[in-house]
Amino acid sequence: MDQNKLLYKTYSQHLIQKYGEKVYKLPVNLPLTCPNRDGKLGKGGCTFCVEGGTVFENLPNTPPVREQLNQNKDHIRKKYKANKYIAYFQNFSNTYMPIEKFKKYIEEAIMDDIVEIAVSTRPDCIQAEYLEFLNELRNKTGIEISIELGLQTVNYHSLKKINRGHTLGEYIDAILNIKKYGFSVCTHLILNLPWDNMDDVIENAKIISALKVDQIKLHALYVMENSIMGDQYKKGEISIISVDEYKERVITFLEYLDPNVIVQRLIGRAPKENSLFVNWNMSWWKIRDEIHDEMAEKQRYQGKKINYLGGKALK
């Protein structure tokens, strides 16, 4: 067995176990925004975000959903011989639109080889009518539904500093509401925000585990030109930890994470164009591999320090 699968619960292995073969995500990009960009809750968006959002290497947001899926599918099928796919509604807040428009977009993704629809959104954009529709769709079609929530950190002081527009409370409420429908939930975290320390990293893992979140996706912060954080970076108002410290944070996070939580990624790919800082000028896979090597060498693994739930701290 691949040693990496013993270190933490990988997303690729989870998909094989669930669907019987490799499954690939097909990103969908819609012409959307967020409530902390358009004035509903705030203006300017998160300080690390730029006008087009944080996603890159996407198709333009003008083609219809099915056309985007088919174009991405053609590329993936040729490269990986894939037969099953996840339609991933990726950029901005996909439940921040009129419900009828949301239904139309989602229904366009229903195809024979789509086994799951993943909807990325914000914790404060989770509303019952959207969840009810997705539940009805799952019951009618058999397509699985997963929700991806951008949290970034449980440190509500840091959330305010990045102009996130919501606090930890809205995130907890969103998880509880989504769980009523039995949907899988993935949470996005940035483990190296300038104001967070190792205590925040550990608390991230504890809250994710206590809320029984199904999956996590880790990112390293990247800093873009023409962003508020980009200006802060150039002025020396913020600093970024070393790559060795980032690797230690990832490993520590995994040690405190419930071993049942599926890990989608340890570090994200990021655009170099118009960027001020991206992954310490290293390839994402090199950082990932070094994390694997460190964990294997020192026998550190997901759940090693999961001694805080269910009164275990007293035993």
C-alpha atoms as a PDB file:
ATOM      1  CA  MET A   1       0.000   0.000   0.000  1.00  0.00           C
ATOM      2  CA  ASP A   2       1.135   3.549  -0.727  1.00  0.00           C
ATOM      3  CA  GLN A   3       2.798   4.892   2.420  1.00  0.00           C
ATOM      4  CA  ASN A   4       1.098   8.266   1.965  1.00  0.00           C
ATOM      5  CA  LYS A   5      -2.309   6.665   2.469  1.00  0.00           C
ATOM      6  CA  LEU A   6      -1.152   5.528   5.909  1.00  0.00           C
ATOM      7  CA  LEU A   7      -0.087   9.046   6.874  1.00  0.00           C
ATOM      8  CA  TYR A   8      -3.484  10.632   6.289  1.00  0.00           C
ATOM      9  CA  LYS A   9      -6.801   9.843   4.640  1.00  0.00           C
ATOM     10  CA  THR A  10      -6.444  10.926   1.018  1.00  0.00           C
ATOM     11  CA  TYR A  11      -9.218  12.240  -1.191  1.00  0.00           C
ATOM     12  CA  SER A  12      -8.176  10.163  -4.200  1.00  0.00           C
ATOM     13  CA  GLN A  13      -8.421   6.935  -2.243  1.00  0.00           C
ATOM     14  CA  HIS A  14     -11.783   8.004  -0.796  1.00  0.00           C
ATOM     15  CA  LEU A  15     -13.209   8.545  -4.288  1.00  0.00           C
ATOM     16  CA  ILE A  16     -12.001   5.130  -5.452  1.00  0.00           C
ATOM     17  CA  GLN A  17     -13.587   3.472  -2.434  1.00  0.00           C
ATOM     18  CA  LYS A  18     -16.853   5.371  -2.914  1.00  0.00           C
ATOM     19  CA  TYR A  19     -17.246   5.151  -6.689  1.00  0.00           C
ATOM     20  CA  GLY A  20     -15.184   2.087  -7.539  1.00  0.00           C
ATOM     21  CA  GLU A  21     -12.717   3.931  -9.770  1.00  0.00           C
ATOM     22  CA  LYS A  22     -10.878   7.223 -10.146  1.00  0.00           C
ATOM     23  CA  VAL A  23     -13.156  10.256 -10.317  1.00  0.00           C
ATOM     24  CA  TYR A  24     -12.093  13.706 -11.482  1.00  0.00           C
ATOM     25  CA  LYS A  25     -13.392  17.174 -10.661  1.00  0.00           C
ATOM     26  CA  LEU A  26     -14.558  19.390 -13.518  1.00  0.00           C
ATOM     27  CA  PRO A  27     -14.537  23.085 -12.499  1.00  0.00           C
ATOM     28  CA  VAL A  28     -17.471  25.310 -13.395  1.00  0.00           C
ATOM     29  CA  ASN A  29     -16.996  29.077 -13.398  1.00  0.00           C
ATOM     30  CA  LEU A  30     -20.109  31.258 -13.115  1.00  0.00           C
ATOM     31  CA  PRO A  31     -20.526  35.061 -13.368  1.00  0.00           C
ATOM     32  CA  LEU A  32     -20.963  35.572  -9.625  1.00  0.00           C
ATOM     33  CA  THR A  33     -19.824  37.717  -6.731  1.00  0.00           C
ATOM     34  CA  CYS A  34     -19.848  37.622  -2.928  1.00  0.00           C
ATOM     35  CA  PRO A  35     -21.841  39.579  -0.326  1.00  0.00           C
ATOM     36  CA  ASN A  36     -18.675  41.164   1.055  1.00  0.00           C
ATOM     37  CA  ARG A  37     -17.808  42.477  -2.404  1.00  0.00           C
ATOM     38  CA  ASP A  38     -21.089  43.964  -3.624  1.00  0.00           C
ATOM     39  CA  GLY A  39     -21.996  45.951  -0.500  1.00  0.00           C
ATOM     40  CA  LYS A  40     -24.503  43.521   1.019  1.00  0.00           C
ATOM     41  CA  LEU A  41     -22.170  42.757   3.931  1.00  0.00           C
ATOM     42  CA  GLY A  42     -19.113  44.745   2.899  1.00  0.00           C
ATOM     43  CA  LYS A  43     -17.062  46.019  -0.018  1.00  0.00           C
ATOM     44  CA  GLY A  44     -13.771  44.991  -1.561  1.00  0.00           C
ATOM     45  CA  GLY A  45     -14.002  41.301  -0.707  1.00  0.00           C
ATOM     46  CA  CYS A  46     -11.397  39.368   1.257  1.00  0.00           C
ATOM     47  CA  THR A  47      -8.086  41.221   1.364  1.00  0.00           C
ATOM     48  CA  PHE A  48      -6.303  38.371  -0.485  1.00  0.00           C
ATOM     49  CA  CYS A  49      -8.892  38.266  -3.284  1.00  0.00           C
ATOM     50  CA  VAL A  50      -8.671  40.046  -6.636  1.00  0.00           C
ATOM     51  CA  GLU A  51     -11.419  41.091  -9.031  1.00  0.00           C
ATOM     52  CA  GLY A  52     -11.708  37.717 -10.758  1.00  0.00           C
ATOM     53  CA  GLY A  53     -11.681  35.714  -7.531  1.00  0.00           C
ATOM     54  CA  THR A  54      -9.025  33.360  -6.200  1.00  0.00           C
ATOM     55  CA  VAL A  55      -9.474  30.590  -8.755  1.00  0.00           C
ATOM     56  CA  PHE A  56      -7.215  30.331 -11.799  1.00  0.00           C
ATOM     57  CA  GLU A  57      -6.822  28.030 -14.812  1.00  0.00           C
ATOM     58  CA  ASN A  58     -10.589  28.080 -15.278  1.00  0.00           C
ATOM     59  CA  LEU A  59     -12.620  28.490 -18.439  1.00  0.00           C
ATOM     60  CA  PRO A  60     -14.273  31.912 -18.867  1.00  0.00           C
ATOM     61  CA  ASN A  61     -17.523  32.305 -16.936  1.00  0.00           C
ATOM     62  CA  THR A  62     -19.660  33.020 -20.018  1.00  0.00           C
ATOM     63  CA  PRO A  63     -20.134  29.543 -21.621  1.00  0.00           C
ATOM     64  CA  PRO A  64     -23.142  27.511 -20.408  1.00  0.00           C
ATOM     65  CA  VAL A  65     -22.494  25.049 -17.589  1.00  0.00           C
ATOM     66  CA  ARG A  66     -22.803  21.959 -19.774  1.00  0.00           C
ATOM     67  CA  GLU A  67     -20.408  23.398 -22.350  1.00  0.00           C
ATOM     68  CA  GLN A  68     -17.811  24.101 -19.649  1.00  0.00           C
ATOM     69  CA  LEU A  69     -18.191  20.587 -18.275  1.00  0.00           C
ATOM     70  CA  ASN A  70     -17.856  18.968 -21.684  1.00  0.00           C
ATOM     71  CA  GLN A  71     -14.757  20.991 -22.569  1.00  0.00           C
ATOM     72  CA  ASN A  72     -13.067  20.101 -19.285  1.00  0.00           C
ATOM     73  CA  LYS A  73     -14.255  16.507 -19.615  1.00  0.00           C
ATOM     74  CA  ASP A  74     -12.689  16.131 -23.052  1.00  0.00           C
ATOM     75  CA  HIS A  75      -9.326  17.236 -21.669  1.00  0.00           C
ATOM     76  CA  ILE A  76      -9.489  14.996 -18.571  1.00  0.00           C
ATOM     77  CA  ARG A  77     -10.763  11.965 -20.469  1.00  0.00           C
ATOM     78  CA  LYS A  78      -7.904  12.095 -22.966  1.00  0.00           C
ATOM     79  CA  LYS A  79      -5.292  12.600 -20.265  1.00  0.00           C
ATOM     80  CA  TYR A  80      -6.514  10.192 -17.575  1.00  0.00           C
ATOM     81  CA  LYS A  81      -9.008   7.857 -19.350  1.00  0.00           C
ATOM     82  CA  ALA A  82     -11.636   8.947 -16.810  1.00  0.00           C
ATOM     83  CA  ASN A  83     -15.242   7.753 -16.864  1.00  0.00           C
ATOM     84  CA  LYS A  84     -16.801   9.464 -13.838  1.00  0.00           C
ATOM     85  CA  TYR A  85     -16.737  13.109 -12.830  1.00  0.00           C
ATOM     86  CA  ILE A  86     -17.677  15.654 -10.178  1.00  0.00           C
ATOM     87  CA  ALA A  87     -19.190  18.927 -11.375  1.00  0.00           C
ATOM     88  CA  TYR A  88     -17.435  21.475  -9.177  1.00  0.00           C
ATOM     89  CA  PHE A  89     -19.135  24.875  -8.948  1.00  0.00           C
ATOM     90  CA  GLN A  90     -15.959  26.536  -7.797  1.00  0.00           C
ATOM     91  CA  ASN A  91     -15.513  30.286  -7.884  1.00  0.00           C
ATOM     92  CA  PHE A  92     -17.037  32.930  -5.587  1.00  0.00           C
ATOM     93  CA  SER A  93     -20.251  32.125  -3.613  1.00  0.00           C
ATOM     94  CA  ASN A  94     -22.436  29.791  -5.643  1.00  0.00           C
ATOM     95  CA  THR A  95     -25.460  30.002  -3.338  1.00  0.00           C
ATOM     96  CA  TYR A  96     -25.384  33.799  -3.491  1.00  0.00           C
ATOM     97  CA  MET A  97     -27.763  34.175  -6.418  1.00  0.00           C
ATOM     98  CA  PRO A  98     -31.535  33.965  -6.918  1.00  0.00           C
ATOM     99  CA  ILE A  99     -32.786  30.449  -6.218  1.00  0.00           C
ATOM    100  CA  GLU A 100     -34.286  29.968  -9.692  1.00  0.00           C
ATOM    101  CA  LYS A 101     -30.999  30.856 -11.350  1.00  0.00           C
ATOM    102  CA  PHE A 102     -29.196  28.497  -8.961  1.00  0.00           C
ATOM    103  CA  LYS A 103     -31.566  25.655  -9.884  1.00  0.00           C
ATOM    104  CA  LYS A 104     -31.026  26.262 -13.599  1.00  0.00           C
ATOM    105  CA  TYR A 105     -27.229  26.168 -13.311  1.00  0.00           C
ATOM    106  CA  ILE A 106     -27.196  23.040 -11.156  1.00  0.00           C
ATOM    107  CA  GLU A 107     -29.667  21.161 -13.358  1.00  0.00           C
ATOM    108  CA  GLU A 108     -27.458  21.814 -16.398  1.00  0.00           C
ATOM    109  CA  ALA A 109     -24.784  19.685 -14.718  1.00  0.00           C
ATOM    110  CA  ILE A 110     -26.936  16.544 -14.614  1.00  0.00           C
ATOM    111  CA  MET A 111     -25.363  14.041 -17.014  1.00  0.00           C
ATOM    112  CA  ASP A 112     -24.906  10.281 -16.970  1.00  0.00           C
ATOM    113  CA  ASP A 113     -21.202  10.418 -16.075  1.00  0.00           C
ATOM    114  CA  ILE A 114     -21.582  13.099 -13.360  1.00  0.00           C
ATOM    115  CA  VAL A 115     -21.692  11.209 -10.051  1.00  0.00           C
ATOM    116  CA  GLU A 116     -21.454  14.196  -7.722  1.00  0.00           C
ATOM    117  CA  ILE A 117     -22.131  17.925  -7.673  1.00  0.00           C
ATOM    118  CA  ALA A 118     -19.867  19.997  -5.419  1.00  0.00           C
ATOM    119  CA  VAL A 119     -21.024  23.508  -4.561  1.00  0.00           C
ATOM    120  CA  SER A 120     -18.517  26.015  -3.197  1.00  0.00           C
ATOM    121  CA  THR A 121     -19.888  28.893  -1.134  1.00  0.00           C
ATOM    122  CA  ARG A 122     -19.554  30.955   2.035  1.00  0.00           C
ATOM    123  CA  PRO A 123     -20.864  29.989   5.482  1.00  0.00           C
ATOM    124  CA  ASP A 124     -23.178  33.011   5.580  1.00  0.00           C
ATOM    125  CA  CYS A 125     -24.736  32.076   2.217  1.00  0.00           C
ATOM    126  CA  ILE A 126     -26.250  28.762   3.368  1.00  0.00           C
ATOM    127  CA  GLN A 127     -30.037  29.003   3.182  1.00  0.00           C
ATOM    128  CA  ALA A 128     -32.704  26.334   3.627  1.00  0.00           C
ATOM    129  CA  GLU A 129     -34.319  26.678   0.182  1.00  0.00           C
ATOM    130  CA  TYR A 130     -31.004  25.945  -1.572  1.00  0.00           C
ATOM    131  CA  LEU A 131     -30.369  22.910   0.633  1.00  0.00           C
ATOM    132  CA  GLU A 132     -33.943  21.683   0.089  1.00  0.00           C
ATOM    133  CA  PHE A 133     -33.497  21.884  -3.675  1.00  0.00           C
ATOM    134  CA  LEU A 134     -30.195  20.003  -3.556  1.00  0.00           C
ATOM    135  CA  ASN A 135     -31.755  17.341  -1.349  1.00  0.00           C
ATOM    136  CA  GLU A 136     -34.649  16.869  -3.784  1.00  0.00           C
ATOM    137  CA  LEU A 137     -32.187  16.680  -6.670  1.00  0.00           C
ATOM    138  CA  ARG A 138     -30.143  13.991  -4.930  1.00  0.00           C
ATOM    139  CA  ASN A 139     -33.256  11.950  -4.139  1.00  0.00           C
ATOM    140  CA  LYS A 140     -34.517  12.226  -7.721  1.00  0.00           C
ATOM    141  CA  THR A 141     -31.279  11.598  -9.623  1.00  0.00           C
ATOM    142  CA  GLY A 142     -29.035   9.675  -7.208  1.00  0.00           C
ATOM    143  CA  ILE A 143     -26.263  12.227  -7.767  1.00  0.00           C
ATOM    144  CA  GLU A 144     -24.292  12.884  -4.579  1.00  0.00           C
ATOM    145  CA  ILE A 145     -24.118  16.424  -3.209  1.00  0.00           C
ATOM    146  CA  SER A 146     -21.176  17.996  -1.404  1.00  0.00           C
ATOM    147  CA  ILE A 147     -20.771  21.528  -0.086  1.00  0.00           C
ATOM    148  CA  GLU A 148     -17.406  23.297   0.120  1.00  0.00           C
ATOM    149  CA  LEU A 149     -17.182  26.153   2.618  1.00  0.00           C
ATOM    150  CA  GLY A 150     -14.422  28.723   2.661  1.00  0.00           C
ATOM    151  CA  LEU A 151     -13.566  29.381   6.300  1.00  0.00           C
ATOM    152  CA  GLN A 152      -9.783  30.053   6.088  1.00  0.00           C
ATOM    153  CA  THR A 153      -9.292  30.138   9.873  1.00  0.00           C
ATOM    154  CA  VAL A 154     -11.227  29.687  13.116  1.00  0.00           C
ATOM    155  CA  ASN A 155      -9.478  32.787  14.497  1.00  0.00           C
ATOM    156  CA  TYR A 156     -12.280  35.335  14.289  1.00  0.00           C
ATOM    157  CA  HIS A 157      -9.809  38.186  14.822  1.00  0.00           C
ATOM    158  CA  SER A 158      -7.969  37.094  11.662  1.00  0.00           C
ATOM    159  CA  LEU A 159     -11.287  36.736   9.830  1.00  0.00           C
ATOM    160  CA  LYS A 160     -11.957  40.386  10.589  1.00  0.00           C
ATOM    161  CA  LYS A 161      -8.491  41.430   9.443  1.00  0.00           C
ATOM    162  CA  ILE A 162      -8.975  39.761   6.048  1.00  0.00           C
ATOM    163  CA  ASN A 163     -12.438  41.345   5.694  1.00  0.00           C
ATOM    164  CA  ARG A 164     -14.036  37.927   5.512  1.00  0.00           C
ATOM    165  CA  GLY A 165     -17.491  39.340   6.307  1.00  0.00           C
ATOM    166  CA  HIS A 166     -18.474  36.500   8.640  1.00  0.00           C
ATOM    167  CA  THR A 167     -17.237  35.050  11.900  1.00  0.00           C
ATOM    168  CA  LEU A 168     -16.781  31.559  13.296  1.00  0.00           C
ATOM    169  CA  GLY A 169     -20.394  31.577  14.453  1.00  0.00           C
ATOM    170  CA  GLU A 170     -21.810  31.632  10.926  1.00  0.00           C
ATOM    171  CA  TYR A 171     -19.525  28.760   9.964  1.00  0.00           C
ATOM    172  CA  ILE A 172     -20.710  26.577  12.848  1.00  0.00           C
ATOM    173  CA  ASP A 173     -24.338  27.383  11.996  1.00  0.00           C
ATOM    174  CA  ALA A 174     -23.746  26.480   8.330  1.00  0.00           C
ATOM    175  CA  ILE A 175     -22.197  23.112   9.226  1.00  0.00           C
ATOM    176  CA  LEU A 176     -25.108  22.213  11.526  1.00  0.00           C
ATOM    177  CA  ASN A 177     -27.657  23.126   8.853  1.00  0.00           C
ATOM    178  CA  ILE A 178     -25.886  21.246   6.061  1.00  0.00           C
ATOM    179  CA  LYS A 179     -25.507  18.165   8.257  1.00  0.00           C
ATOM    180  CA  LYS A 180     -29.303  17.974   8.648  1.00  0.00           C
ATOM    181  CA  TYR A 181     -29.418  16.859   5.009  1.00  0.00           C
ATOM    182  CA  GLY A 182     -26.525  14.432   5.212  1.00  0.00           C
ATOM    183  CA  PHE A 183     -24.442  16.244   2.607  1.00  0.00           C
ATOM    184  CA  SER A 184     -20.670  15.846   2.704  1.00  0.00           C
ATOM    185  CA  VAL A 185     -18.938  19.058   3.800  1.00  0.00           C
ATOM    186  CA  CYS A 186     -15.442  20.209   2.863  1.00  0.00           C
ATOM    187  CA  THR A 187     -13.823  23.165   4.626  1.00  0.00           C
ATOM    188  CA  HIS A 188     -11.067  25.325   3.111  1.00  0.00           C
ATOM    189  CA  LEU A 189      -8.322  26.540   5.467  1.00  0.00           C
ATOM    190  CA  ILE A 190      -5.263  28.766   5.051  1.00  0.00           C
ATOM    191  CA  LEU A 191      -2.730  27.668   7.662  1.00  0.00           C
ATOM    192  CA  ASN A 192      -0.317  30.583   7.287  1.00  0.00           C
ATOM    193  CA  LEU A 193      -2.364  33.750   7.561  1.00  0.00           C
ATOM    194  CA  PRO A 194      -0.022  36.443   8.945  1.00  0.00           C
ATOM    195  CA  TRP A 195      -1.879  36.800  12.260  1.00  0.00           C
ATOM    196  CA  ASP A 196      -2.303  33.089  13.062  1.00  0.00           C
ATOM    197  CA  ASN A 197       0.070  30.944  15.112  1.00  0.00           C
ATOM    198  CA  MET A 198       0.356  27.256  15.997  1.00  0.00           C
ATOM    199  CA  ASP A 199      -2.410  27.552  18.604  1.00  0.00           C
ATOM    200  CA  ASP A 200      -4.772  28.621  15.812  1.00  0.00           C
ATOM    201  CA  VAL A 201      -3.606  25.712  13.648  1.00  0.00           C
ATOM    202  CA  ILE A 202      -4.445  23.234  16.413  1.00  0.00           C
ATOM    203  CA  GLU A 203      -7.778  24.903  17.123  1.00  0.00           C
ATOM    204  CA  ASN A 204      -8.619  24.650  13.407  1.00  0.00           C
ATOM    205  CA  ALA A 205      -8.163  20.870  13.644  1.00  0.00           C
ATOM    206  CA  LYS A 206     -10.123  20.595  16.890  1.00  0.00           C
ATOM    207  CA  ILE A 207     -13.155  22.508  15.647  1.00  0.00           C
ATOM    208  CA  ILE A 208     -13.190  20.684  12.297  1.00  0.00           C
ATOM    209  CA  SER A 209     -13.065  17.371  14.178  1.00  0.00           C
ATOM    210  CA  ALA A 210     -15.661  18.310  16.823  1.00  0.00           C
ATOM    211  CA  LEU A 211     -18.134  19.415  14.124  1.00  0.00           C
ATOM    212  CA  LYS A 212     -17.558  16.130  12.247  1.00  0.00           C
ATOM    213  CA  VAL A 213     -16.647  17.907   9.019  1.00  0.00           C
ATOM    214  CA  ASP A 214     -16.119  15.295   6.292  1.00  0.00           C
ATOM    215  CA  GLN A 215     -13.265  16.782   4.285  1.00  0.00           C
ATOM    216  CA  ILE A 216     -10.676  19.552   4.461  1.00  0.00           C
ATOM    217  CA  LYS A 217      -8.671  21.388   1.851  1.00  0.00           C
ATOM    218  CA  LEU A 218      -5.517  23.199   2.954  1.00  0.00           C
ATOM    219  CA  HIS A 219      -4.016  26.165   1.146  1.00  0.00           C
ATOM    220  CA  ALA A 220      -0.879  28.190   1.635  1.00  0.00           C
ATOM    221  CA  LEU A 221      -1.524  31.892   1.366  1.00  0.00           C
ATOM    222  CA  TYR A 222      -0.528  33.460  -1.919  1.00  0.00           C
ATOM    223  CA  VAL A 223      -0.367  37.213  -2.368  1.00  0.00           C
ATOM    224  CA  MET A 224      -1.550  38.849  -5.569  1.00  0.00           C
ATOM    225  CA  GLU A 225      -0.897  42.209  -7.169  1.00  0.00           C
ATOM    226  CA  ASN A 226      -3.879  44.565  -7.074  1.00  0.00           C
ATOM    227  CA  SER A 227      -5.164  43.099  -3.810  1.00  0.00           C
ATOM    228  CA  ILE A 228      -5.362  44.802  -0.420  1.00  0.00           C
ATOM    229  CA  MET A 229      -3.062  42.155   1.017  1.00  0.00           C
ATOM    230  CA  GLY A 230      -0.681  42.755  -1.876  1.00  0.00           C
ATOM    231  CA  ASP A 231      -0.378  46.389  -0.833  1.00  0.00           C
ATOM    232  CA  GLN A 232       0.176  45.338   2.792  1.00  0.00           C
ATOM    233  CA  TYR A 233       2.882  42.910   1.681  1.00  0.00           C
ATOM    234  CA  LYS A 234       4.732  45.509  -0.385  1.00  0.00           C
ATOM    235  CA  LYS A 235       4.622  47.996   2.501  1.00  0.00           C
ATOM    236  CA  GLY A 236       6.032  45.403   4.910  1.00  0.00           C
ATOM    237  CA  GLU A 237       2.881  45.460   7.033  1.00  0.00           C
ATOM    238  CA  ILE A 238       2.544  41.674   6.919  1.00  0.00           C
ATOM    239  CA  SER A 239       5.073  38.859   6.767  1.00  0.00           C
ATOM    240  CA  ILE A 240       4.763  35.214   5.788  1.00  0.00           C
ATOM    241  CA  ILE A 241       6.217  32.279   7.704  1.00  0.00           C
ATOM    242  CA  SER A 242       8.954  30.104   6.217  1.00  0.00           C
ATOM    243  CA  VAL A 243       8.189  27.009   4.184  1.00  0.00           C
ATOM    244  CA  ASP A 244       9.585  24.841   6.997  1.00  0.00           C
ATOM    245  CA  GLU A 245       7.161  26.447   9.443  1.00  0.00           C
ATOM    246  CA  TYR A 246       4.296  25.877   6.988  1.00  0.00           C
ATOM    247  CA  LYS A 247       5.197  22.193   6.701  1.00  0.00           C
ATOM    248  CA  GLU A 248       5.279  21.909  10.498  1.00  0.00           C
ATOM    249  CA  ARG A 249       1.865  23.545  10.734  1.00  0.00           C
ATOM    250  CA  VAL A 250       0.393  21.114   8.219  1.00  0.00           C
ATOM    251  CA  ILE A 251       1.797  18.090  10.046  1.00  0.00           C
ATOM    252  CA  THR A 252       0.665  19.365  13.449  1.00  0.00           C
ATOM    253  CA  PHE A 253      -2.793  20.103  12.039  1.00  0.00           C
ATOM    254  CA  LEU A 254      -3.034  16.524  10.757  1.00  0.00           C
ATOM    255  CA  GLU A 255      -1.922  15.097  14.095  1.00  0.00           C
ATOM    256  CA  TYR A 256      -4.818  16.848  15.841  1.00  0.00           C
ATOM    257  CA  LEU A 257      -7.324  16.044  13.087  1.00  0.00           C
ATOM    258  CA  ASP A 258      -9.867  13.245  13.438  1.00  0.00           C
ATOM    259  CA  PRO A 259      -8.499  10.337  11.336  1.00  0.00           C
ATOM    260  CA  ASN A 260     -11.881   9.975   9.618  1.00  0.00           C
ATOM    261  CA  VAL A 261     -11.650  13.410   7.979  1.00  0.00           C
ATOM    262  CA  ILE A 262     -10.702  13.181   4.292  1.00  0.00           C
ATOM    263  CA  VAL A 263      -7.817  15.391   3.204  1.00  0.00           C
ATOM    264  CA  GLN A 264      -8.324  16.825  -0.277  1.00  0.00           C
ATOM    265  CA  ARG A 265      -4.969  18.617  -0.381  1.00  0.00           C
ATOM    266  CA  LEU A 266      -2.092  19.802   1.803  1.00  0.00           C
ATOM    267  CA  ILE A 267      -1.156  22.807  -0.305  1.00  0.00           C
ATOM    268  CA  GLY A 268      -2.746  24.402  -3.329  1.00  0.00           C
ATOM    269  CA  ARG A 269      -1.453  25.293  -6.736  1.00  0.00           C
ATOM    270  CA  ALA A 270      -1.291  29.016  -7.270  1.00  0.00           C
ATOM    271  CA  PRO A 271      -0.859  31.431 -10.177  1.00  0.00           C
ATOM    272  CA  LYS A 272       2.585  32.982 -10.694  1.00  0.00           C
ATOM    273  CA  GLU A 273       1.301  35.654 -13.050  1.00  0.00           C
ATOM    274  CA  ASN A 274       0.613  38.954 -11.247  1.00  0.00           C
ATOM    275  CA  SER A 275       1.653  37.399  -7.937  1.00  0.00           C
ATOM    276  CA  LEU A 276       3.910  38.789  -5.230  1.00  0.00           C
ATOM    277  CA  PHE A 277       4.290  35.586  -3.235  1.00  0.00           C
ATOM    278  CA  VAL A 278       3.468  32.012  -4.256  1.00  0.00           C
ATOM    279  CA  ASN A 279       4.481  28.880  -2.326  1.00  0.00           C
ATOM    280  CA  TRP A 280       7.975  30.158  -1.482  1.00  0.00           C
ATOM    281  CA  ASN A 281       8.887  29.878  -5.199  1.00  0.00           C
ATOM    282  CA  MET A 282       8.659  26.090  -4.895  1.00  0.00           C
ATOM    283  CA  SER A 283       6.431  23.659  -6.745  1.00  0.00           C
ATOM    284  CA  TRP A 284       3.402  22.602  -4.721  1.00  0.00           C
ATOM    285  CA  TRP A 285       4.183  18.908  -5.187  1.00  0.00           C
ATOM    286  CA  LYS A 286       7.733  19.327  -3.804  1.00  0.00           C
ATOM    287  CA  ILE A 287       6.339  20.871  -0.613  1.00  0.00           C
ATOM    288  CA  ARG A 288       3.739  18.100  -0.417  1.00  0.00           C
ATOM    289  CA  ASP A 289       6.367  15.399  -0.896  1.00  0.00           C
ATOM    290  CA  GLU A 290       8.589  16.922   1.790  1.00  0.00           C
ATOM    291  CA  ILE A 291       5.627  16.857   4.182  1.00  0.00           C
ATOM    292  CA  HIS A 292       5.117  13.175   3.363  1.00  0.00           C
ATOM    293  CA  ASP A 293       8.803  12.423   3.951  1.00  0.00           C
ATOM    294  CA  GLU A 294       8.864  14.243   7.281  1.00  0.00           C
ATOM    295  CA  MET A 295       5.747  12.444   8.503  1.00  0.00           C
ATOM    296  CA  ALA A 296       7.029   9.020   7.463  1.00  0.00           C
ATOM    297  CA  GLU A 297      10.489   9.565   8.945  1.00  0.00           C
ATOM    298  CA  LYS A 298       9.205  10.770  12.329  1.00  0.00           C
ATOM    299  CA  GLN A 299       6.106   8.533  12.478  1.00  0.00           C
ATOM    300  CA  ARG A 300       3.685  11.438  12.560  1.00  0.00           C
ATOM    301  CA  TYR A 301       0.235  10.765  11.164  1.00  0.00           C
ATOM    302  CA  GLN A 302      -3.341  12.016  11.056  1.00  0.00           C
ATOM    303  CA  GLY A 303      -5.112  11.606  14.389  1.00  0.00           C
ATOM    304  CA  LYS A 304      -1.990  10.871  16.436  1.00  0.00           C
ATOM    305  CA  LYS A 305      -2.984  13.539  18.998  1.00  0.00           C
ATOM    306  CA  ILE A 306      -6.769  13.178  18.802  1.00  0.00           C
ATOM    307  CA  ASN A 307      -7.141  12.964  22.583  1.00  0.00           C
ATOM    308  CA  TYR A 308      -9.549  15.825  23.217  1.00  0.00           C
ATOM    309  CA  LEU A 309     -13.022  14.631  22.086  1.00  0.00           C
ATOM    310  CA  GLY A 310     -15.619  12.764  24.131  1.00  0.00           C
ATOM    311  CA  GLY A 311     -13.893  13.437  27.441  1.00  0.00           C
ATOM    312  CA  LYS A 312     -10.701  11.641  26.387  1.00  0.00           C
ATOM    313  CA  ALA A 313      -8.565  14.392  27.918  1.00  0.00           C
ATOM    314  CA  LEU A 314      -9.605  13.142  31.370  1.00  0.00           C
ATOM    315  CA  LYS A 315      -8.830   9.485  30.731  1.00  0.00           C
END
